[in-house]
């Protein structure tokens, strides 16, 4: 094999498309992990006293009543409960997708390894959810429950399954080429 600069360039990780963590730029790491950091930051903010049910009821009720009209107090309580639980499901679903993307980019795996990254993303999401619920047990107007961790993990699981179904349905050719 020739030792010319051209042959060295052809066999380098950059020229073959292989990614190695030591050769990645700071911009890569920021683009991969900044969304996760922002997602966790949003959850940390929402996990404060100011986002307890006693503080969110008024603003959420005003929005719902502006759209649907007046709602009695008795009817509002379950609606408020389901809005808050939907927020858990959707918020952690999005966080799960952020984790999935970050793990996928970082590990640079083939399409056939989707489930490995999905399991890492689910475990990461469940860990954040567990820490969030544990933190809430120390706040006077919040409650931390394992049921919310389960709900959060289900949100992440459903979001990842939807992404997988979308990719299998609408991006099947790209998945075959990447495998």
N, C-alpha and C. Protein backbone atom coordinates (compact mmCIF):
# COMPACT_ATOMS: atom_id res chain seq x y z
N UNK A 1 0.84 -1.18 0.00
CA UNK A 1 0.00 0.00 0.00
C UNK A 1 0.88 1.24 0.00
N UNK A 2 0.50 2.19 -0.76
CA UNK A 2 1.27 3.42 -0.90
C UNK A 2 1.12 4.28 0.36
N UNK A 3 2.15 5.02 0.67
CA UNK A 3 2.08 5.89 1.84
C UNK A 3 1.83 7.33 1.44
N UNK A 4 1.27 7.52 0.27
CA UNK A 4 0.98 8.88 -0.19
C UNK A 4 -0.13 9.50 0.63
N UNK A 5 -0.19 10.83 0.66
CA UNK A 5 -1.26 11.50 1.41
C UNK A 5 -2.64 11.08 0.92
N UNK A 6 -2.76 10.81 -0.38
CA UNK A 6 -4.06 10.42 -0.95
C UNK A 6 -4.52 9.07 -0.38
N UNK A 7 -3.62 8.08 -0.30
CA UNK A 7 -4.01 6.78 0.23
C UNK A 7 -4.30 6.88 1.72
N UNK A 8 -3.59 7.71 2.44
CA UNK A 8 -3.88 7.90 3.87
C UNK A 8 -5.25 8.54 4.06
N UNK A 9 -5.59 9.46 3.15
CA UNK A 9 -6.89 10.11 3.25
C UNK A 9 -8.01 9.11 2.97
N UNK A 10 -7.82 8.21 2.02
CA UNK A 10 -8.87 7.25 1.67
C UNK A 10 -9.13 6.26 2.79
N UNK A 11 -8.14 5.97 3.61
CA UNK A 11 -8.35 4.99 4.66
C UNK A 11 -8.65 5.62 6.03
N UNK A 12 -8.73 6.92 6.08
CA UNK A 12 -9.00 7.57 7.36
C UNK A 12 -10.47 7.41 7.75
N UNK A 13 -10.78 7.45 9.03
CA UNK A 13 -12.17 7.32 9.46
C UNK A 13 -13.08 8.37 8.83
N UNK A 14 -12.55 9.58 8.60
CA UNK A 14 -13.40 10.62 8.01
C UNK A 14 -13.78 10.26 6.57
N UNK A 15 -12.83 9.69 5.80
CA UNK A 15 -13.12 9.40 4.40
C UNK A 15 -14.00 8.18 4.24
N UNK A 16 -14.01 7.26 5.20
CA UNK A 16 -14.83 6.06 5.09
C UNK A 16 -16.21 6.27 5.70
N UNK A 17 -16.44 7.41 6.30
CA UNK A 17 -17.75 7.69 6.89
C UNK A 17 -17.89 7.17 8.30
N UNK A 18 -16.85 6.58 8.87
CA UNK A 18 -16.91 6.09 10.24
C UNK A 18 -16.75 7.26 11.20
N UNK A 19 -17.53 7.22 12.25
CA UNK A 19 -17.44 8.29 13.24
C UNK A 19 -16.74 7.76 14.47
N UNK A 20 -15.80 8.50 14.96
CA UNK A 20 -15.15 8.15 16.22
C UNK A 20 -15.31 9.33 17.16
N UNK A 21 -15.67 9.06 18.42
CA UNK A 21 -15.90 10.16 19.35
C UNK A 21 -14.73 11.13 19.47
N UNK A 22 -13.51 10.65 19.36
CA UNK A 22 -12.37 11.54 19.53
C UNK A 22 -12.23 12.52 18.37
N UNK A 23 -12.87 12.25 17.25
CA UNK A 23 -12.74 13.11 16.08
C UNK A 23 -13.97 14.00 15.87
N UNK A 24 -14.93 13.91 16.73
CA UNK A 24 -16.13 14.72 16.58
C UNK A 24 -15.91 16.12 17.13
N UNK A 25 -16.54 17.07 16.48
CA UNK A 25 -16.39 18.47 16.90
C UNK A 25 -17.32 18.79 18.07
N UNK A 26 -17.05 19.91 18.70
CA UNK A 26 -17.92 20.37 19.79
C UNK A 26 -19.32 20.64 19.27
N UNK A 27 -19.41 21.12 18.03
CA UNK A 27 -20.72 21.37 17.43
C UNK A 27 -21.56 20.11 17.33
N UNK A 28 -20.90 18.99 17.05
CA UNK A 28 -21.63 17.72 16.99
C UNK A 28 -22.24 17.39 18.34
N UNK A 29 -21.41 17.47 19.39
CA UNK A 29 -21.89 17.12 20.73
C UNK A 29 -23.00 18.06 21.19
N UNK A 30 -22.86 19.31 20.86
CA UNK A 30 -23.91 20.27 21.22
C UNK A 30 -25.20 19.95 20.49
N UNK A 31 -25.13 19.68 19.19
CA UNK A 31 -26.35 19.40 18.44
C UNK A 31 -26.99 18.09 18.86
N UNK A 32 -26.18 17.13 19.31
CA UNK A 32 -26.73 15.85 19.74
C UNK A 32 -27.37 15.93 21.12
N UNK A 33 -26.72 16.62 22.05
CA UNK A 33 -27.15 16.57 23.45
C UNK A 33 -27.83 17.82 23.99
N UNK A 34 -27.73 18.95 23.30
CA UNK A 34 -28.40 20.16 23.78
C UNK A 34 -29.92 19.98 23.88
N UNK A 35 -30.58 19.34 22.91
CA UNK A 35 -32.02 19.13 23.07
C UNK A 35 -32.38 18.34 24.34
N UNK A 36 -31.56 17.36 24.69
CA UNK A 36 -31.80 16.60 25.93
C UNK A 36 -31.66 17.51 27.14
N UNK A 37 -30.62 18.31 27.15
CA UNK A 37 -30.40 19.23 28.28
C UNK A 37 -31.55 20.23 28.40
N UNK A 38 -32.04 20.73 27.28
CA UNK A 38 -33.17 21.66 27.31
C UNK A 38 -34.42 20.95 27.81
N UNK A 39 -34.66 19.73 27.32
CA UNK A 39 -35.83 18.97 27.77
C UNK A 39 -35.81 18.71 29.26
N UNK A 40 -34.66 18.32 29.79
CA UNK A 40 -34.53 18.09 31.23
C UNK A 40 -34.72 19.40 31.99
N UNK A 41 -34.20 20.49 31.45
CA UNK A 41 -34.36 21.80 32.10
C UNK A 41 -35.83 22.20 32.20
N UNK A 42 -36.59 21.94 31.14
CA UNK A 42 -38.03 22.23 31.17
C UNK A 42 -38.70 21.41 32.26
N UNK A 43 -38.34 20.15 32.37
CA UNK A 43 -38.94 19.29 33.40
C UNK A 43 -38.55 19.78 34.80
N UNK A 44 -37.30 20.20 34.97
CA UNK A 44 -36.86 20.73 36.27
C UNK A 44 -37.68 21.96 36.65
N UNK A 45 -37.92 22.83 35.69
CA UNK A 45 -38.72 24.04 35.95
C UNK A 45 -40.16 23.65 36.28
N UNK A 46 -40.71 22.71 35.52
CA UNK A 46 -42.10 22.29 35.77
C UNK A 46 -42.25 21.51 37.06
N UNK A 47 -41.16 21.05 37.63
CA UNK A 47 -41.20 20.26 38.85
C UNK A 47 -41.14 21.12 40.11
N UNK A 48 -41.33 22.42 39.96
CA UNK A 48 -41.24 23.32 41.11
C UNK A 48 -42.62 23.51 41.74
N UNK A 49 -42.61 24.19 42.86
CA UNK A 49 -43.86 24.52 43.56
C UNK A 49 -44.80 25.29 42.65
N UNK A 50 -44.24 26.14 41.80
CA UNK A 50 -45.07 27.02 40.96
C UNK A 50 -45.86 26.28 39.89
N UNK A 51 -45.53 25.03 39.61
CA UNK A 51 -46.27 24.27 38.61
C UNK A 51 -47.09 23.15 39.24
N UNK A 52 -47.37 23.27 40.54
CA UNK A 52 -48.27 22.33 41.19
C UNK A 52 -49.69 22.56 40.73
N UNK A 53 -50.56 21.60 41.00
CA UNK A 53 -51.96 21.68 40.56
C UNK A 53 -52.64 22.94 41.07
N UNK A 54 -52.29 23.37 42.29
CA UNK A 54 -52.93 24.56 42.85
C UNK A 54 -52.54 25.83 42.09
N UNK A 55 -51.41 25.83 41.40
CA UNK A 55 -51.00 27.01 40.64
C UNK A 55 -51.37 26.94 39.16
N UNK A 56 -51.57 25.73 38.63
CA UNK A 56 -51.89 25.60 37.20
C UNK A 56 -53.39 25.58 36.93
N UNK A 57 -54.17 25.34 37.94
CA UNK A 57 -55.62 25.22 37.74
C UNK A 57 -56.23 26.50 37.15
N UNK A 58 -55.90 27.64 37.71
CA UNK A 58 -56.48 28.91 37.24
C UNK A 58 -56.15 29.22 35.79
N UNK A 59 -54.87 29.25 35.42
CA UNK A 59 -54.54 29.56 34.02
C UNK A 59 -55.09 28.53 33.03
N UNK A 60 -54.98 27.25 33.37
CA UNK A 60 -55.50 26.22 32.46
C UNK A 60 -57.02 26.31 32.32
N UNK A 61 -57.68 26.59 33.44
CA UNK A 61 -59.14 26.71 33.39
C UNK A 61 -59.55 27.89 32.51
N UNK A 62 -58.84 29.00 32.62
CA UNK A 62 -59.15 30.17 31.79
C UNK A 62 -59.02 29.84 30.31
N UNK A 63 -58.00 29.09 29.95
CA UNK A 63 -57.82 28.71 28.54
C UNK A 63 -58.93 27.78 28.08
N UNK A 64 -59.22 26.76 28.88
CA UNK A 64 -60.26 25.80 28.50
C UNK A 64 -61.62 26.48 28.42
N UNK A 65 -61.92 27.36 29.37
CA UNK A 65 -63.21 28.05 29.34
C UNK A 65 -63.29 29.04 28.18
N UNK A 66 -62.18 29.61 27.77
CA UNK A 66 -62.19 30.51 26.61
C UNK A 66 -62.53 29.75 25.34
N UNK A 67 -62.15 28.48 25.30
CA UNK A 67 -62.41 27.66 24.11
C UNK A 67 -63.79 27.00 24.18
N UNK A 68 -64.13 26.43 25.34
CA UNK A 68 -65.35 25.61 25.45
C UNK A 68 -66.47 26.24 26.26
N UNK A 69 -66.24 27.36 26.88
CA UNK A 69 -67.27 27.99 27.70
C UNK A 69 -67.14 27.61 29.16
N UNK A 70 -68.03 28.15 30.00
CA UNK A 70 -67.95 27.92 31.44
C UNK A 70 -68.03 26.44 31.82
N UNK A 71 -67.26 26.10 32.86
CA UNK A 71 -67.22 24.72 33.37
C UNK A 71 -67.41 24.80 34.88
N UNK A 72 -68.27 23.94 35.43
CA UNK A 72 -68.50 23.93 36.88
C UNK A 72 -67.26 23.41 37.60
N UNK A 73 -67.16 23.76 38.89
CA UNK A 73 -66.03 23.31 39.70
C UNK A 73 -65.94 21.80 39.74
N UNK A 74 -67.08 21.14 39.91
CA UNK A 74 -67.10 19.68 39.99
C UNK A 74 -66.61 19.05 38.69
N UNK A 75 -66.94 19.66 37.58
CA UNK A 75 -66.53 19.12 36.28
C UNK A 75 -65.07 19.48 35.97
N UNK A 76 -64.61 20.60 36.50
CA UNK A 76 -63.25 21.05 36.20
C UNK A 76 -62.18 20.13 36.81
N UNK A 77 -62.41 19.64 38.01
CA UNK A 77 -61.38 18.84 38.70
C UNK A 77 -60.88 17.65 37.85
N UNK A 78 -61.76 16.79 37.31
CA UNK A 78 -61.23 15.69 36.49
C UNK A 78 -60.61 16.18 35.18
N UNK A 79 -61.14 17.25 34.61
CA UNK A 79 -60.56 17.79 33.38
C UNK A 79 -59.13 18.26 33.65
N UNK A 80 -58.96 18.99 34.75
CA UNK A 80 -57.63 19.48 35.12
C UNK A 80 -56.68 18.31 35.35
N UNK A 81 -57.16 17.28 36.02
CA UNK A 81 -56.34 16.09 36.27
C UNK A 81 -55.86 15.47 34.95
N UNK A 82 -56.77 15.31 34.01
CA UNK A 82 -56.41 14.67 32.73
C UNK A 82 -55.51 15.57 31.88
N UNK A 83 -55.68 16.86 31.97
CA UNK A 83 -54.77 17.77 31.26
C UNK A 83 -53.36 17.61 31.81
N UNK A 84 -53.24 17.58 33.12
CA UNK A 84 -51.91 17.45 33.74
C UNK A 84 -51.27 16.10 33.41
N UNK A 85 -52.05 15.04 33.45
CA UNK A 85 -51.50 13.71 33.13
C UNK A 85 -51.15 13.61 31.65
N UNK A 86 -51.91 14.27 30.80
CA UNK A 86 -51.57 14.32 29.37
C UNK A 86 -50.26 15.05 29.16
N UNK A 87 -50.04 16.08 29.97
CA UNK A 87 -48.77 16.81 29.91
C UNK A 87 -47.60 15.91 30.26
N UNK A 88 -47.78 15.05 31.28
CA UNK A 88 -46.75 14.07 31.61
C UNK A 88 -46.46 13.18 30.41
N UNK A 89 -47.50 12.61 29.84
CA UNK A 89 -47.37 11.66 28.74
C UNK A 89 -46.67 12.29 27.54
N UNK A 90 -47.15 13.45 27.12
CA UNK A 90 -46.59 14.12 25.95
C UNK A 90 -45.18 14.66 26.23
N UNK A 91 -45.00 15.30 27.37
CA UNK A 91 -43.70 15.87 27.70
C UNK A 91 -42.60 14.82 27.77
N UNK A 92 -42.88 13.73 28.45
CA UNK A 92 -41.87 12.67 28.53
C UNK A 92 -41.76 11.89 27.23
N UNK A 93 -42.82 11.88 26.43
CA UNK A 93 -42.71 11.30 25.09
C UNK A 93 -41.71 12.07 24.26
N UNK A 94 -41.80 13.39 24.32
CA UNK A 94 -40.84 14.24 23.59
C UNK A 94 -39.43 14.08 24.14
N UNK A 95 -39.32 14.03 25.47
CA UNK A 95 -37.99 13.83 26.07
C UNK A 95 -37.42 12.48 25.63
N UNK A 96 -38.24 11.46 25.57
CA UNK A 96 -37.78 10.15 25.10
C UNK A 96 -37.24 10.22 23.68
N UNK A 97 -37.90 11.00 22.81
CA UNK A 97 -37.41 11.16 21.44
C UNK A 97 -36.09 11.93 21.41
N UNK A 98 -35.95 12.90 22.30
CA UNK A 98 -34.68 13.63 22.37
C UNK A 98 -33.55 12.70 22.80
N UNK A 99 -33.83 11.86 23.79
CA UNK A 99 -32.83 10.88 24.22
C UNK A 99 -32.52 9.91 23.08
N UNK A 100 -33.54 9.44 22.38
CA UNK A 100 -33.34 8.51 21.27
C UNK A 100 -32.41 9.11 20.22
N UNK A 101 -32.66 10.34 19.84
CA UNK A 101 -31.85 11.02 18.84
C UNK A 101 -30.41 11.17 19.32
N UNK A 102 -30.24 11.57 20.58
CA UNK A 102 -28.89 11.77 21.11
C UNK A 102 -28.11 10.47 21.16
N UNK A 103 -28.74 9.40 21.64
CA UNK A 103 -28.05 8.11 21.69
C UNK A 103 -27.74 7.62 20.28
N UNK A 104 -28.69 7.78 19.36
CA UNK A 104 -28.50 7.33 17.98
C UNK A 104 -27.30 8.04 17.34
N UNK A 105 -27.25 9.36 17.49
CA UNK A 105 -26.15 10.12 16.92
C UNK A 105 -24.81 9.79 17.58
N UNK A 106 -24.84 9.65 18.89
CA UNK A 106 -23.61 9.41 19.64
C UNK A 106 -23.02 8.03 19.35
N UNK A 107 -23.86 7.04 19.31
CA UNK A 107 -23.37 5.67 19.10
C UNK A 107 -23.16 5.34 17.63
N UNK A 108 -23.72 6.16 16.74
CA UNK A 108 -23.55 5.99 15.29
C UNK A 108 -23.83 4.56 14.86
N UNK A 109 -24.96 4.05 15.28
CA UNK A 109 -25.30 2.66 14.98
C UNK A 109 -26.07 2.54 13.67
N UNK A 110 -26.12 1.34 13.17
CA UNK A 110 -26.88 1.06 11.95
C UNK A 110 -28.37 1.04 12.27
N UNK A 111 -29.17 1.06 11.23
CA UNK A 111 -30.63 1.07 11.41
C UNK A 111 -31.11 -0.16 12.17
N UNK A 112 -30.42 -1.26 12.01
CA UNK A 112 -30.83 -2.50 12.69
C UNK A 112 -30.66 -2.41 14.21
N UNK A 113 -29.94 -1.40 14.70
CA UNK A 113 -29.70 -1.25 16.13
C UNK A 113 -30.66 -0.25 16.77
N UNK A 114 -31.76 0.05 16.11
CA UNK A 114 -32.73 1.02 16.64
C UNK A 114 -33.13 0.66 18.06
N UNK A 115 -33.41 -0.61 18.31
CA UNK A 115 -33.94 -1.02 19.60
C UNK A 115 -32.92 -0.83 20.73
N UNK A 116 -31.63 -0.94 20.42
CA UNK A 116 -30.62 -0.68 21.45
C UNK A 116 -30.69 0.78 21.90
N UNK A 117 -30.76 1.67 20.93
CA UNK A 117 -30.86 3.10 21.26
C UNK A 117 -32.20 3.40 21.94
N UNK A 118 -33.26 2.73 21.51
CA UNK A 118 -34.58 2.95 22.12
C UNK A 118 -34.58 2.51 23.58
N UNK A 119 -33.93 1.39 23.87
CA UNK A 119 -33.85 0.93 25.27
C UNK A 119 -33.02 1.89 26.12
N UNK A 120 -31.93 2.39 25.57
CA UNK A 120 -31.14 3.40 26.29
C UNK A 120 -31.97 4.66 26.53
N UNK A 121 -32.72 5.07 25.51
CA UNK A 121 -33.55 6.27 25.63
C UNK A 121 -34.65 6.06 26.68
N UNK A 122 -35.26 4.88 26.68
CA UNK A 122 -36.31 4.59 27.66
C UNK A 122 -35.74 4.57 29.07
N UNK A 123 -34.58 3.94 29.24
CA UNK A 123 -33.96 3.90 30.57
C UNK A 123 -33.59 5.31 31.03
N UNK A 124 -33.08 6.12 30.11
CA UNK A 124 -32.71 7.51 30.45
C UNK A 124 -33.93 8.32 30.84
N UNK A 125 -35.02 8.14 30.09
CA UNK A 125 -36.25 8.86 30.39
C UNK A 125 -36.82 8.42 31.73
N UNK A 126 -36.81 7.12 31.99
CA UNK A 126 -37.32 6.60 33.26
C UNK A 126 -36.49 7.12 34.43
N UNK A 127 -35.19 7.24 34.23
CA UNK A 127 -34.33 7.78 35.28
C UNK A 127 -34.67 9.24 35.59
N UNK A 128 -34.85 10.04 34.55
CA UNK A 128 -35.24 11.44 34.75
C UNK A 128 -36.60 11.52 35.44
N UNK A 129 -37.54 10.69 35.00
CA UNK A 129 -38.88 10.68 35.60
C UNK A 129 -38.81 10.28 37.08
N UNK A 130 -38.00 9.29 37.39
CA UNK A 130 -37.86 8.86 38.79
C UNK A 130 -37.26 9.96 39.65
N UNK A 131 -36.24 10.62 39.14
CA UNK A 131 -35.63 11.73 39.89
C UNK A 131 -36.63 12.87 40.08
N UNK A 132 -37.41 13.16 39.04
CA UNK A 132 -38.42 14.22 39.10
C UNK A 132 -39.47 13.90 40.17
N UNK A 133 -39.97 12.69 40.16
CA UNK A 133 -41.00 12.31 41.14
C UNK A 133 -40.43 12.28 42.55
N UNK A 134 -39.20 11.82 42.70
CA UNK A 134 -38.57 11.81 44.01
C UNK A 134 -38.43 13.25 44.52
N UNK A 135 -38.00 14.15 43.65
CA UNK A 135 -37.86 15.56 44.01
C UNK A 135 -39.21 16.14 44.47
N UNK A 136 -40.27 15.77 43.79
CA UNK A 136 -41.59 16.31 44.12
C UNK A 136 -42.08 15.88 45.51
N UNK A 137 -41.55 14.78 46.03
CA UNK A 137 -41.97 14.35 47.36
C UNK A 137 -41.53 15.32 48.45
N UNK A 138 -40.57 16.19 48.14
CA UNK A 138 -40.07 17.16 49.11
C UNK A 138 -40.79 18.51 49.03
N UNK A 139 -41.70 18.66 48.07
CA UNK A 139 -42.40 19.93 47.89
C UNK A 139 -43.76 19.88 48.56
N UNK A 140 -44.18 20.97 49.19
CA UNK A 140 -45.42 20.94 49.97
C UNK A 140 -46.69 20.75 49.13
N UNK A 141 -46.71 21.21 47.90
CA UNK A 141 -47.93 21.11 47.10
C UNK A 141 -47.81 20.12 45.95
N UNK A 142 -46.81 19.24 46.01
CA UNK A 142 -46.61 18.25 44.95
C UNK A 142 -46.58 16.86 45.57
N UNK A 143 -46.88 15.87 44.76
CA UNK A 143 -46.76 14.49 45.21
C UNK A 143 -45.96 13.72 44.16
N UNK A 144 -45.05 12.91 44.60
CA UNK A 144 -44.28 12.06 43.69
C UNK A 144 -44.81 10.64 43.78
N UNK A 145 -45.20 10.09 42.65
CA UNK A 145 -45.75 8.73 42.67
C UNK A 145 -45.08 7.87 41.60
N UNK A 146 -44.94 6.58 41.90
CA UNK A 146 -44.42 5.65 40.88
C UNK A 146 -45.35 5.57 39.66
N UNK A 147 -46.63 5.86 39.86
CA UNK A 147 -47.57 5.81 38.74
C UNK A 147 -47.24 6.88 37.70
N UNK A 148 -46.76 8.02 38.15
CA UNK A 148 -46.35 9.06 37.19
C UNK A 148 -45.09 8.64 36.44
N UNK A 149 -44.18 7.93 37.12
CA UNK A 149 -42.99 7.42 36.43
C UNK A 149 -43.43 6.43 35.34
N UNK A 150 -44.39 5.58 35.68
CA UNK A 150 -44.91 4.63 34.69
C UNK A 150 -45.58 5.36 33.52
N UNK A 151 -46.37 6.37 33.83
CA UNK A 151 -47.02 7.16 32.79
C UNK A 151 -45.99 7.86 31.90
N UNK A 152 -44.96 8.42 32.51
CA UNK A 152 -43.90 9.09 31.76
C UNK A 152 -43.17 8.11 30.84
N UNK A 153 -42.89 6.93 31.37
CA UNK A 153 -42.20 5.91 30.58
C UNK A 153 -43.08 5.40 29.45
N UNK A 154 -44.37 5.31 29.70
CA UNK A 154 -45.30 4.91 28.63
C UNK A 154 -45.33 5.97 27.53
N UNK A 155 -45.30 7.23 27.90
CA UNK A 155 -45.25 8.31 26.91
C UNK A 155 -44.02 8.18 26.02
N UNK A 156 -42.87 7.91 26.64
CA UNK A 156 -41.63 7.74 25.87
C UNK A 156 -41.72 6.52 24.96
N UNK A 157 -42.26 5.43 25.49
CA UNK A 157 -42.38 4.20 24.70
C UNK A 157 -43.29 4.40 23.49
N UNK A 158 -44.43 5.01 23.70
CA UNK A 158 -45.37 5.25 22.59
C UNK A 158 -44.74 6.16 21.55
N UNK A 159 -44.07 7.22 21.97
CA UNK A 159 -43.43 8.14 21.02
C UNK A 159 -42.39 7.40 20.18
N UNK A 160 -41.58 6.57 20.82
CA UNK A 160 -40.56 5.83 20.07
C UNK A 160 -41.18 4.80 19.13
N UNK A 161 -42.26 4.16 19.57
CA UNK A 161 -42.95 3.21 18.68
C UNK A 161 -43.55 3.92 17.48
N UNK A 162 -44.07 5.12 17.68
CA UNK A 162 -44.61 5.89 16.56
C UNK A 162 -43.51 6.27 15.57
N UNK A 163 -42.35 6.65 16.08
CA UNK A 163 -41.22 6.97 15.20
C UNK A 163 -40.79 5.72 14.43
N UNK A 164 -40.71 4.60 15.12
CA UNK A 164 -40.33 3.35 14.46
C UNK A 164 -41.34 2.98 13.37
N UNK A 165 -42.63 3.08 13.69
CA UNK A 165 -43.68 2.76 12.71
C UNK A 165 -43.61 3.69 11.51
N UNK A 166 -43.38 4.97 11.76
CA UNK A 166 -43.25 5.94 10.68
C UNK A 166 -42.06 5.58 9.79
N UNK A 167 -40.93 5.29 10.42
CA UNK A 167 -39.72 4.96 9.66
C UNK A 167 -39.92 3.69 8.84
N UNK A 168 -40.55 2.69 9.42
CA UNK A 168 -40.79 1.43 8.70
C UNK A 168 -41.78 1.62 7.56
N UNK A 169 -42.73 2.53 7.74
CA UNK A 169 -43.76 2.74 6.71
C UNK A 169 -43.30 3.67 5.61
N UNK A 170 -42.74 4.81 5.98
CA UNK A 170 -42.44 5.85 5.00
C UNK A 170 -40.96 5.98 4.65
N UNK A 171 -40.10 5.34 5.40
CA UNK A 171 -38.65 5.44 5.16
C UNK A 171 -38.01 4.07 5.03
N UNK A 172 -38.75 3.09 4.58
CA UNK A 172 -38.24 1.72 4.52
C UNK A 172 -37.01 1.59 3.64
N UNK A 173 -36.97 2.26 2.51
CA UNK A 173 -35.82 2.19 1.61
C UNK A 173 -34.56 2.76 2.26
N UNK A 174 -34.70 3.87 2.97
CA UNK A 174 -33.55 4.47 3.65
C UNK A 174 -33.04 3.55 4.76
N UNK A 175 -33.96 2.88 5.43
CA UNK A 175 -33.56 1.95 6.49
C UNK A 175 -32.80 0.76 5.91
N UNK A 176 -33.24 0.26 4.77
CA UNK A 176 -32.55 -0.88 4.13
C UNK A 176 -31.14 -0.48 3.72
N UNK A 177 -30.98 0.71 3.17
CA UNK A 177 -29.65 1.17 2.75
C UNK A 177 -28.73 1.37 3.94
N UNK A 178 -29.28 1.82 5.06
CA UNK A 178 -28.46 2.08 6.24
C UNK A 178 -28.08 0.80 6.98
N UNK A 179 -28.84 -0.25 6.81
CA UNK A 179 -28.60 -1.50 7.54
C UNK A 179 -27.35 -2.23 7.08
